[in-house]
Amino acid sequence: MLERAGSALKVTAPMLYGNASTMLAAGRAALDAGITEIDLEAIADADSSALAVIFAWLRDARSRNVALRVSNPPAGLLSLASLYGVDEFLPLA
C-alpha cells in the first residue's frame, strides 16, 4: 500500500474511500520517519477521499515543520483537485 524509498513515500495501492483510513494512518507513521515527498506515480485509481488523505498528510507535515511535496499525481486526481478548487494548494514536486 505504501513503500518508503529514501525520503519519499510511494503510494502503491488505489487511493479510494475503502482504504482511506488505513492510508491516512500509514502515511502519518511515515511522516514520523522523515518522509518529505509523497510519490503517486504507481496509483491508477483515486477518488475524492485521496485528496482528503493527502491534505491531512500535508497538515500533519506542516505541524511537524516538514515541507512535504507531492510528486507524479495522476491526471484524474489533478482533475478532481481542480473541480473542487484545491489544485493550487497541492505542493507539487
PDB file of N, CA and C in Angstrom:
ATOM      1  N   MET A   1       0.827  -1.186   0.000  1.00  0.00           N
ATOM      2  CA  MET A   1       0.000   0.000   0.000  1.00  0.00           C
ATOM      3  C   MET A   1       0.877   1.257   0.000  1.00  0.00           C
ATOM      4  N   LEU A   2       1.833   1.336   0.915  1.00  0.00           N
ATOM      5  CA  LEU A   2       2.786   2.436   0.981  1.00  0.00           C
ATOM      6  C   LEU A   2       4.182   1.853   1.164  1.00  0.00           C
ATOM      7  N   GLU A   3       5.134   2.360   0.391  1.00  0.00           N
ATOM      8  CA  GLU A   3       6.513   1.875   0.475  1.00  0.00           C
ATOM      9  C   GLU A   3       7.450   3.066   0.615  1.00  0.00           C
ATOM     10  N   ARG A   4       8.421   2.932   1.477  1.00  0.00           N
ATOM     11  CA  ARG A   4       9.403   4.004   1.634  1.00  0.00           C
ATOM     12  C   ARG A   4      10.512   3.824   0.608  1.00  0.00           C
ATOM     13  N   ALA A   5      10.904   4.915  -0.031  1.00  0.00           N
ATOM     14  CA  ALA A   5      12.006   4.928  -0.994  1.00  0.00           C
ATOM     15  C   ALA A   5      12.836   6.170  -0.697  1.00  0.00           C
ATOM     16  N   GLY A   6      13.825   6.023   0.173  1.00  0.00           N
ATOM     17  CA  GLY A   6      14.608   7.179   0.606  1.00  0.00           C
ATOM     18  C   GLY A   6      13.739   8.105   1.425  1.00  0.00           C
ATOM     19  N   SER A   7      13.660   9.372   1.021  1.00  0.00           N
ATOM     20  CA  SER A   7      12.820  10.323   1.746  1.00  0.00           C
ATOM     21  C   SER A   7      11.416  10.417   1.148  1.00  0.00           C
ATOM     22  N   ALA A   8      11.126   9.532   0.184  1.00  0.00           N
ATOM     23  CA  ALA A   8       9.799   9.526  -0.452  1.00  0.00           C
ATOM     24  C   ALA A   8       8.950   8.370   0.063  1.00  0.00           C
ATOM     25  N   LEU A   9       7.668   8.593   0.056  1.00  0.00           N
ATOM     26  CA  LEU A   9       6.694   7.557   0.363  1.00  0.00           C
ATOM     27  C   LEU A   9       5.948   7.271  -0.930  1.00  0.00           C
ATOM     28  N   LYS A  10       6.117   6.064  -1.463  1.00  0.00           N
ATOM     29  CA  LYS A  10       5.449   5.678  -2.704  1.00  0.00           C
ATOM     30  C   LYS A  10       4.110   5.026  -2.371  1.00  0.00           C
ATOM     31  N   VAL A  11       3.074   5.586  -2.948  1.00  0.00           N
ATOM     32  CA  VAL A  11       1.738   5.020  -2.776  1.00  0.00           C
ATOM     33  C   VAL A  11       1.560   4.000  -3.884  1.00  0.00           C
ATOM     34  N   THR A  12       1.305   2.747  -3.504  1.00  0.00           N
ATOM     35  CA  THR A  12       1.249   1.668  -4.489  1.00  0.00           C
ATOM     36  C   THR A  12      -0.131   1.037  -4.621  1.00  0.00           C
ATOM     37  N   ALA A  13      -1.097   1.516  -3.864  1.00  0.00           N
ATOM     38  CA  ALA A  13      -2.454   0.965  -3.924  1.00  0.00           C
ATOM     39  C   ALA A  13      -3.417   2.082  -4.337  1.00  0.00           C
ATOM     40  N   PRO A  14      -4.553   1.718  -4.883  1.00  0.00           N
ATOM     41  CA  PRO A  14      -5.540   2.747  -5.215  1.00  0.00           C
ATOM     42  C   PRO A  14      -5.897   3.572  -3.976  1.00  0.00           C
ATOM     43  N   MET A  15      -6.083   4.854  -4.159  1.00  0.00           N
ATOM     44  CA  MET A  15      -6.473   5.730  -3.054  1.00  0.00           C
ATOM     45  C   MET A  15      -7.977   5.951  -3.141  1.00  0.00           C
ATOM     46  N   LEU A  16      -8.698   5.072  -2.487  1.00  0.00           N
ATOM     47  CA  LEU A  16     -10.155   5.070  -2.545  1.00  0.00           C
ATOM     48  C   LEU A  16     -10.746   5.129  -1.142  1.00  0.00           C
ATOM     49  N   TYR A  17     -12.016   5.456  -1.057  1.00  0.00           N
ATOM     50  CA  TYR A  17     -12.706   5.600   0.219  1.00  0.00           C
ATOM     51  C   TYR A  17     -12.511   4.384   1.126  1.00  0.00           C
ATOM     52  N   GLY A  18     -12.553   3.197   0.565  1.00  0.00           N
ATOM     53  CA  GLY A  18     -12.472   1.970   1.358  1.00  0.00           C
ATOM     54  C   GLY A  18     -11.169   1.782   2.106  1.00  0.00           C
ATOM     55  N   ASN A  19     -10.083   2.382   1.628  1.00  0.00           N
ATOM     56  CA  ASN A  19      -8.809   2.220   2.325  1.00  0.00           C
ATOM     57  C   ASN A  19      -8.239   3.550   2.828  1.00  0.00           C
ATOM     58  N   ALA A  20      -9.046   4.588   2.822  1.00  0.00           N
ATOM     59  CA  ALA A  20      -8.572   5.927   3.189  1.00  0.00           C
ATOM     60  C   ALA A  20      -8.045   5.987   4.621  1.00  0.00           C
ATOM     61  N   SER A  21      -8.754   5.404   5.573  1.00  0.00           N
ATOM     62  CA  SER A  21      -8.297   5.491   6.963  1.00  0.00           C
ATOM     63  C   SER A  21      -6.992   4.726   7.178  1.00  0.00           C
ATOM     64  N   THR A  22      -6.835   3.596   6.492  1.00  0.00           N
ATOM     65  CA  THR A  22      -5.588   2.842   6.582  1.00  0.00           C
ATOM     66  C   THR A  22      -4.441   3.633   5.967  1.00  0.00           C
ATOM     67  N   MET A  23      -4.685   4.237   4.811  1.00  0.00           N
ATOM     68  CA  MET A  23      -3.672   5.074   4.152  1.00  0.00           C
ATOM     69  C   MET A  23      -3.285   6.250   5.031  1.00  0.00           C
ATOM     70  N   LEU A  24      -4.279   6.889   5.623  1.00  0.00           N
ATOM     71  CA  LEU A  24      -4.026   8.050   6.466  1.00  0.00           C
ATOM     72  C   LEU A  24      -3.094   7.680   7.622  1.00  0.00           C
ATOM     73  N   ALA A  25      -3.405   6.591   8.306  1.00  0.00           N
ATOM     74  CA  ALA A  25      -2.590   6.172   9.445  1.00  0.00           C
ATOM     75  C   ALA A  25      -1.176   5.790   9.014  1.00  0.00           C
ATOM     76  N   ALA A  26      -1.055   5.064   7.922  1.00  0.00           N
ATOM     77  CA  ALA A  26       0.270   4.640   7.450  1.00  0.00           C
ATOM     78  C   ALA A  26       1.108   5.841   7.017  1.00  0.00           C
ATOM     79  N   GLY A  27       0.493   6.795   6.365  1.00  0.00           N
ATOM     80  CA  GLY A  27       1.215   7.995   5.954  1.00  0.00           C
ATOM     81  C   GLY A  27       1.656   8.826   7.137  1.00  0.00           C
ATOM     82  N   ARG A  28       0.813   8.922   8.152  1.00  0.00           N
ATOM     83  CA  ARG A  28       1.190   9.656   9.363  1.00  0.00           C
ATOM     84  C   ARG A  28       2.392   9.008  10.034  1.00  0.00           C
ATOM     85  N   ALA A  29       2.412   7.698  10.077  1.00  0.00           N
ATOM     86  CA  ALA A  29       3.559   6.991  10.663  1.00  0.00           C
ATOM     87  C   ALA A  29       4.820   7.263   9.849  1.00  0.00           C
ATOM     88  N   ALA A  30       4.689   7.327   8.545  1.00  0.00           N
ATOM     89  CA  ALA A  30       5.844   7.592   7.682  1.00  0.00           C
ATOM     90  C   ALA A  30       6.387   9.000   7.903  1.00  0.00           C
ATOM     91  N   LEU A  31       5.511   9.944   8.211  1.00  0.00           N
ATOM     92  CA  LEU A  31       5.970  11.302   8.494  1.00  0.00           C
ATOM     93  C   LEU A  31       6.904  11.316   9.696  1.00  0.00           C
ATOM     94  N   ASP A  32       6.627  10.469  10.661  1.00  0.00           N
ATOM     95  CA  ASP A  32       7.495  10.368  11.836  1.00  0.00           C
ATOM     96  C   ASP A  32       8.863   9.817  11.470  1.00  0.00           C
ATOM     97  N   ALA A  33       8.948   9.132  10.334  1.00  0.00           N
ATOM     98  CA  ALA A  33      10.208   8.524   9.899  1.00  0.00           C
ATOM     99  C   ALA A  33      10.985   9.420   8.933  1.00  0.00           C
ATOM    100  N   GLY A  34      10.554  10.656   8.739  1.00  0.00           N
ATOM    101  CA  GLY A  34      11.322  11.600   7.936  1.00  0.00           C
ATOM    102  C   GLY A  34      10.943  11.717   6.473  1.00  0.00           C
ATOM    103  N   ILE A  35       9.749  11.346   6.103  1.00  0.00           N
ATOM    104  CA  ILE A  35       9.294  11.459   4.716  1.00  0.00           C
ATOM    105  C   ILE A  35       9.107  12.932   4.345  1.00  0.00           C
ATOM    106  N   THR A  36       9.554  13.306   3.155  1.00  0.00           N
ATOM    107  CA  THR A  36       9.367  14.686   2.676  1.00  0.00           C
ATOM    108  C   THR A  36       8.673  14.736   1.310  1.00  0.00           C
ATOM    109  N   GLU A  37       8.383  13.573   0.743  1.00  0.00           N
ATOM    110  CA  GLU A  37       7.735  13.521  -0.568  1.00  0.00           C
ATOM    111  C   GLU A  37       6.735  12.378  -0.615  1.00  0.00           C
ATOM    112  N   ILE A  38       5.592  12.633  -1.222  1.00  0.00           N
ATOM    113  CA  ILE A  38       4.589  11.601  -1.484  1.00  0.00           C
ATOM    114  C   ILE A  38       4.594  11.367  -2.985  1.00  0.00           C
ATOM    115  N   ASP A  39       4.978  10.171  -3.408  1.00  0.00           N
ATOM    116  CA  ASP A  39       5.056   9.830  -4.828  1.00  0.00           C
ATOM    117  C   ASP A  39       3.815   9.034  -5.219  1.00  0.00           C
ATOM    118  N   LEU A  40       3.029   9.598  -6.118  1.00  0.00           N
ATOM    119  CA  LEU A  40       1.759   8.987  -6.528  1.00  0.00           C
ATOM    120  C   LEU A  40       1.830   8.303  -7.892  1.00  0.00           C
ATOM    121  N   GLU A  41       3.022   8.115  -8.401  1.00  0.00           N
ATOM    122  CA  GLU A  41       3.190   7.573  -9.751  1.00  0.00           C
ATOM    123  C   GLU A  41       2.510   6.213  -9.955  1.00  0.00           C
ATOM    124  N   ALA A  42       2.504   5.363  -8.943  1.00  0.00           N
ATOM    125  CA  ALA A  42       2.010   3.996  -9.108  1.00  0.00           C
ATOM    126  C   ALA A  42       0.504   3.849  -8.928  1.00  0.00           C
ATOM    127  N   ILE A  43      -0.206   4.919  -8.571  1.00  0.00           N
ATOM    128  CA  ILE A  43      -1.643   4.736  -8.376  1.00  0.00           C
ATOM    129  C   ILE A  43      -2.396   4.955  -9.684  1.00  0.00           C
ATOM    130  N   ALA A  44      -3.313   4.071  -9.937  1.00  0.00           N
ATOM    131  CA  ALA A  44      -4.113   4.153 -11.151  1.00  0.00           C
ATOM    132  C   ALA A  44      -5.533   4.614 -10.840  1.00  0.00           C
ATOM    133  N   ASP A  45      -5.933   4.475  -9.581  1.00  0.00           N
ATOM    134  CA  ASP A  45      -7.307   4.766  -9.206  1.00  0.00           C
ATOM    135  C   ASP A  45      -7.325   5.621  -7.952  1.00  0.00           C
ATOM    136  N   ALA A  46      -8.039   6.738  -8.015  1.00  0.00           N
ATOM    137  CA  ALA A  46      -8.166   7.620  -6.859  1.00  0.00           C
ATOM    138  C   ALA A  46      -9.518   8.310  -6.916  1.00  0.00           C
ATOM    139  N   ASP A  47     -10.114   8.497  -5.749  1.00  0.00           N
ATOM    140  CA  ASP A  47     -11.362   9.256  -5.676  1.00  0.00           C
ATOM    141  C   ASP A  47     -11.139  10.468  -4.775  1.00  0.00           C
ATOM    142  N   SER A  48     -12.203  11.158  -4.441  1.00  0.00           N
ATOM    143  CA  SER A  48     -12.058  12.387  -3.672  1.00  0.00           C
ATOM    144  C   SER A  48     -11.481  12.146  -2.278  1.00  0.00           C
ATOM    145  N   SER A  49     -11.611  10.945  -1.756  1.00  0.00           N
ATOM    146  CA  SER A  49     -11.019  10.666  -0.448  1.00  0.00           C
ATOM    147  C   SER A  49      -9.494  10.739  -0.508  1.00  0.00           C
ATOM    148  N   ALA A  50      -8.920  10.518  -1.678  1.00  0.00           N
ATOM    149  CA  ALA A  50      -7.467  10.644  -1.836  1.00  0.00           C
ATOM    150  C   ALA A  50      -7.027  12.068  -1.530  1.00  0.00           C
ATOM    151  N   LEU A  51      -7.798  13.045  -1.984  1.00  0.00           N
ATOM    152  CA  LEU A  51      -7.469  14.439  -1.681  1.00  0.00           C
ATOM    153  C   LEU A  51      -7.550  14.703  -0.189  1.00  0.00           C
ATOM    154  N   ALA A  52      -8.553  14.152   0.464  1.00  0.00           N
ATOM    155  CA  ALA A  52      -8.684  14.334   1.913  1.00  0.00           C
ATOM    156  C   ALA A  52      -7.480  13.750   2.640  1.00  0.00           C
ATOM    157  N   VAL A  53      -7.048  12.577   2.221  1.00  0.00           N
ATOM    158  CA  VAL A  53      -5.882  11.941   2.847  1.00  0.00           C
ATOM    159  C   VAL A  53      -4.626  12.769   2.595  1.00  0.00           C
ATOM    160  N   ILE A  54      -4.418  13.182   1.371  1.00  0.00           N
ATOM    161  CA  ILE A  54      -3.226  13.974   1.033  1.00  0.00           C
ATOM    162  C   ILE A  54      -3.201  15.280   1.823  1.00  0.00           C
ATOM    163  N   PHE A  55      -4.338  15.968   1.905  1.00  0.00           N
ATOM    164  CA  PHE A  55      -4.363  17.222   2.656  1.00  0.00           C
ATOM    165  C   PHE A  55      -4.177  16.992   4.157  1.00  0.00           C
ATOM    166  N   ALA A  56      -4.643  15.869   4.671  1.00  0.00           N
ATOM    167  CA  ALA A  56      -4.388  15.541   6.083  1.00  0.00           C
ATOM    168  C   ALA A  56      -2.896  15.305   6.300  1.00  0.00           C
ATOM    169  N   TRP A  57      -2.250  14.588   5.371  1.00  0.00           N
ATOM    170  CA  TRP A  57      -0.795  14.399   5.473  1.00  0.00           C
ATOM    171  C   TRP A  57      -0.070  15.731   5.433  1.00  0.00           C
ATOM    172  N   LEU A  58      -0.508  16.622   4.547  1.00  0.00           N
ATOM    173  CA  LEU A  58       0.125  17.936   4.436  1.00  0.00           C
ATOM    174  C   LEU A  58      -0.022  18.742   5.728  1.00  0.00           C
ATOM    175  N   ARG A  59      -1.210  18.691   6.330  1.00  0.00           N
ATOM    176  CA  ARG A  59      -1.421  19.389   7.612  1.00  0.00           C
ATOM    177  C   ARG A  59      -0.527  18.813   8.699  1.00  0.00           C
ATOM    178  N   ASP A  60      -0.447  17.488   8.752  1.00  0.00           N
ATOM    179  CA  ASP A  60       0.402  16.837   9.757  1.00  0.00           C
ATOM    180  C   ASP A  60       1.868  17.197   9.552  1.00  0.00           C
ATOM    181  N   ALA A  61       2.305  17.227   8.300  1.00  0.00           N
ATOM    182  CA  ALA A  61       3.690  17.582   7.999  1.00  0.00           C
ATOM    183  C   ALA A  61       3.955  19.030   8.423  1.00  0.00           C
ATOM    184  N   ARG A  62       3.038  19.910   8.106  1.00  0.00           N
ATOM    185  CA  ARG A  62       3.204  21.320   8.475  1.00  0.00           C
ATOM    186  C   ARG A  62       3.310  21.469   9.987  1.00  0.00           C
ATOM    187  N   SER A  63       2.524  20.700  10.740  1.00  0.00           N
ATOM    188  CA  SER A  63       2.580  20.790  12.200  1.00  0.00           C
ATOM    189  C   SER A  63       3.917  20.281  12.753  1.00  0.00           C
ATOM    190  N   ARG A  64       4.632  19.497  11.944  1.00  0.00           N
ATOM    191  CA  ARG A  64       5.963  18.995  12.325  1.00  0.00           C
ATOM    192  C   ARG A  64       7.084  19.833  11.702  1.00  0.00           C
ATOM    193  N   ASN A  65       6.711  20.931  11.054  1.00  0.00           N
ATOM    194  CA  ASN A  65       7.665  21.790  10.342  1.00  0.00           C
ATOM    195  C   ASN A  65       8.401  21.041   9.235  1.00  0.00           C
ATOM    196  N   VAL A  66       7.666  20.191   8.540  1.00  0.00           N
ATOM    197  CA  VAL A  66       8.204  19.428   7.417  1.00  0.00           C
ATOM    198  C   VAL A  66       7.560  19.951   6.137  1.00  0.00           C
ATOM    199  N   ALA A  67       8.381  20.244   5.143  1.00  0.00           N
ATOM    200  CA  ALA A  67       7.879  20.677   3.839  1.00  0.00           C
ATOM    201  C   ALA A  67       7.635  19.431   2.990  1.00  0.00           C
ATOM    202  N   LEU A  68       6.402  18.978   2.949  1.00  0.00           N
ATOM    203  CA  LEU A  68       6.022  17.773   2.211  1.00  0.00           C
ATOM    204  C   LEU A  68       5.615  18.164   0.801  1.00  0.00           C
ATOM    205  N   ARG A  69       6.120  17.438  -0.184  1.00  0.00           N
ATOM    206  CA  ARG A  69       5.807  17.665  -1.595  1.00  0.00           C
ATOM    207  C   ARG A  69       5.057  16.454  -2.146  1.00  0.00           C
ATOM    208  N   VAL A  70       4.278  16.681  -3.187  1.00  0.00           N
ATOM    209  CA  VAL A  70       3.530  15.622  -3.864  1.00  0.00           C
ATOM    210  C   VAL A  70       4.087  15.503  -5.278  1.00  0.00           C
ATOM    211  N   SER A  71       4.510  14.300  -5.646  1.00  0.00           N
ATOM    212  CA  SER A  71       5.050  14.108  -6.990  1.00  0.00           C
ATOM    213  C   SER A  71       4.217  13.096  -7.773  1.00  0.00           C
ATOM    214  N   ASN A  72       4.234  13.261  -9.069  1.00  0.00           N
ATOM    215  CA  ASN A  72       3.599  12.346 -10.025  1.00  0.00           C
ATOM    216  C   ASN A  72       2.115  12.083  -9.776  1.00  0.00           C
ATOM    217  N   PRO A  73       1.326  13.126  -9.507  1.00  0.00           N
ATOM    218  CA  PRO A  73      -0.100  12.867  -9.306  1.00  0.00           C
ATOM    219  C   PRO A  73      -0.760  12.457 -10.623  1.00  0.00           C
ATOM    220  N   PRO A  74      -1.655  11.485 -10.574  1.00  0.00           N
ATOM    221  CA  PRO A  74      -2.338  11.083 -11.807  1.00  0.00           C
ATOM    222  C   PRO A  74      -3.283  12.190 -12.290  1.00  0.00           C
ATOM    223  N   ALA A  75      -3.524  12.204 -13.571  1.00  0.00           N
ATOM    224  CA  ALA A  75      -4.365  13.235 -14.187  1.00  0.00           C
ATOM    225  C   ALA A  75      -5.750  13.289 -13.549  1.00  0.00           C
ATOM    226  N   GLY A  76      -6.311  12.138 -13.210  1.00  0.00           N
ATOM    227  CA  GLY A  76      -7.643  12.108 -12.612  1.00  0.00           C
ATOM    228  C   GLY A  76      -7.684  12.803 -11.263  1.00  0.00           C
ATOM    229  N   LEU A  77      -6.633  12.650 -10.487  1.00  0.00           N
ATOM    230  CA  LEU A  77      -6.579  13.296  -9.177  1.00  0.00           C
ATOM    231  C   LEU A  77      -6.425  14.813  -9.336  1.00  0.00           C
ATOM    232  N   LEU A  78      -5.609  15.229 -10.307  1.00  0.00           N
ATOM    233  CA  LEU A  78      -5.467  16.656 -10.577  1.00  0.00           C
ATOM    234  C   LEU A  78      -6.781  17.255 -11.062  1.00  0.00           C
ATOM    235  N   SER A  79      -7.514  16.484 -11.850  1.00  0.00           N
ATOM    236  CA  SER A  79      -8.814  16.940 -12.334  1.00  0.00           C
ATOM    237  C   SER A  79      -9.794  17.131 -11.169  1.00  0.00           C
ATOM    238  N   LEU A  80      -9.803  16.175 -10.233  1.00  0.00           N
ATOM    239  CA  LEU A  80     -10.658  16.308  -9.049  1.00  0.00           C
ATOM    240  C   LEU A  80     -10.264  17.530  -8.228  1.00  0.00           C
ATOM    241  N   ALA A  81      -8.962  17.718  -8.042  1.00  0.00           N
ATOM    242  CA  ALA A  81      -8.483  18.865  -7.265  1.00  0.00           C
ATOM    243  C   ALA A  81      -8.924  20.175  -7.929  1.00  0.00           C
ATOM    244  N   SER A  82      -8.848  20.216  -9.237  1.00  0.00           N
ATOM    245  CA  SER A  82      -9.284  21.400  -9.974  1.00  0.00           C
ATOM    246  C   SER A  82     -10.785  21.608  -9.830  1.00  0.00           C
ATOM    247  N   LEU A  83     -11.549  20.542  -9.956  1.00  0.00           N
ATOM    248  CA  LEU A  83     -13.001  20.599  -9.822  1.00  0.00           C
ATOM    249  C   LEU A  83     -13.414  21.164  -8.464  1.00  0.00           C
ATOM    250  N   TYR A  84     -12.703  20.753  -7.401  1.00  0.00           N
ATOM    251  CA  TYR A  84     -13.017  21.203  -6.045  1.00  0.00           C
ATOM    252  C   TYR A  84     -12.346  22.533  -5.700  1.00  0.00           C
ATOM    253  N   GLY A  85     -11.529  23.047  -6.608  1.00  0.00           N
ATOM    254  CA  GLY A  85     -10.875  24.328  -6.380  1.00  0.00           C
ATOM    255  C   GLY A  85      -9.744  24.290  -5.375  1.00  0.00           C
ATOM    256  N   VAL A  86      -9.094  23.131  -5.248  1.00  0.00           N
ATOM    257  CA  VAL A  86      -7.993  22.995  -4.278  1.00  0.00           C
ATOM    258  C   VAL A  86      -6.666  22.685  -4.962  1.00  0.00           C
ATOM    259  N   ASP A  87      -6.638  22.671  -6.282  1.00  0.00           N
ATOM    260  CA  ASP A  87      -5.424  22.310  -7.009  1.00  0.00           C
ATOM    261  C   ASP A  87      -4.247  23.225  -6.678  1.00  0.00           C
ATOM    262  N   GLU A  88      -4.523  24.490  -6.429  1.00  0.00           N
ATOM    263  CA  GLU A  88      -3.444  25.431  -6.117  1.00  0.00           C
ATOM    264  C   GLU A  88      -2.807  25.166  -4.752  1.00  0.00           C
ATOM    265  N   PHE A  89      -3.446  24.365  -3.920  1.00  0.00           N
ATOM    266  CA  PHE A  89      -2.921  24.066  -2.595  1.00  0.00           C
ATOM    267  C   PHE A  89      -2.065  22.800  -2.555  1.00  0.00           C
ATOM    268  N   LEU A  90      -1.999  22.089  -3.669  1.00  0.00           N
ATOM    269  CA  LEU A  90      -1.170  20.886  -3.720  1.00  0.00           C
ATOM    270  C   LEU A  90       0.279  21.296  -4.015  1.00  0.00           C
ATOM    271  N   PRO A  91       1.189  21.018  -3.093  1.00  0.00           N
ATOM    272  CA  PRO A  91       2.591  21.384  -3.312  1.00  0.00           C
ATOM    273  C   PRO A  91       3.266  20.347  -4.208  1.00  0.00           C
ATOM    274  N   LEU A  92       3.158  20.560  -5.504  1.00  0.00           N
ATOM    275  CA  LEU A  92       3.682  19.567  -6.455  1.00  0.00           C
ATOM    276  C   LEU A  92       5.187  19.692  -6.593  1.00  0.00           C
ATOM    277  N   ALA A  93       5.828  18.533  -6.625  1.00  0.00           N
ATOM    278  CA  ALA A  93       7.298  18.496  -6.781  1.00  0.00           C
ATOM    279  C   ALA A  93       7.659  18.598  -8.244  1.00  0.00           C
TER     280      ALA A  93
END
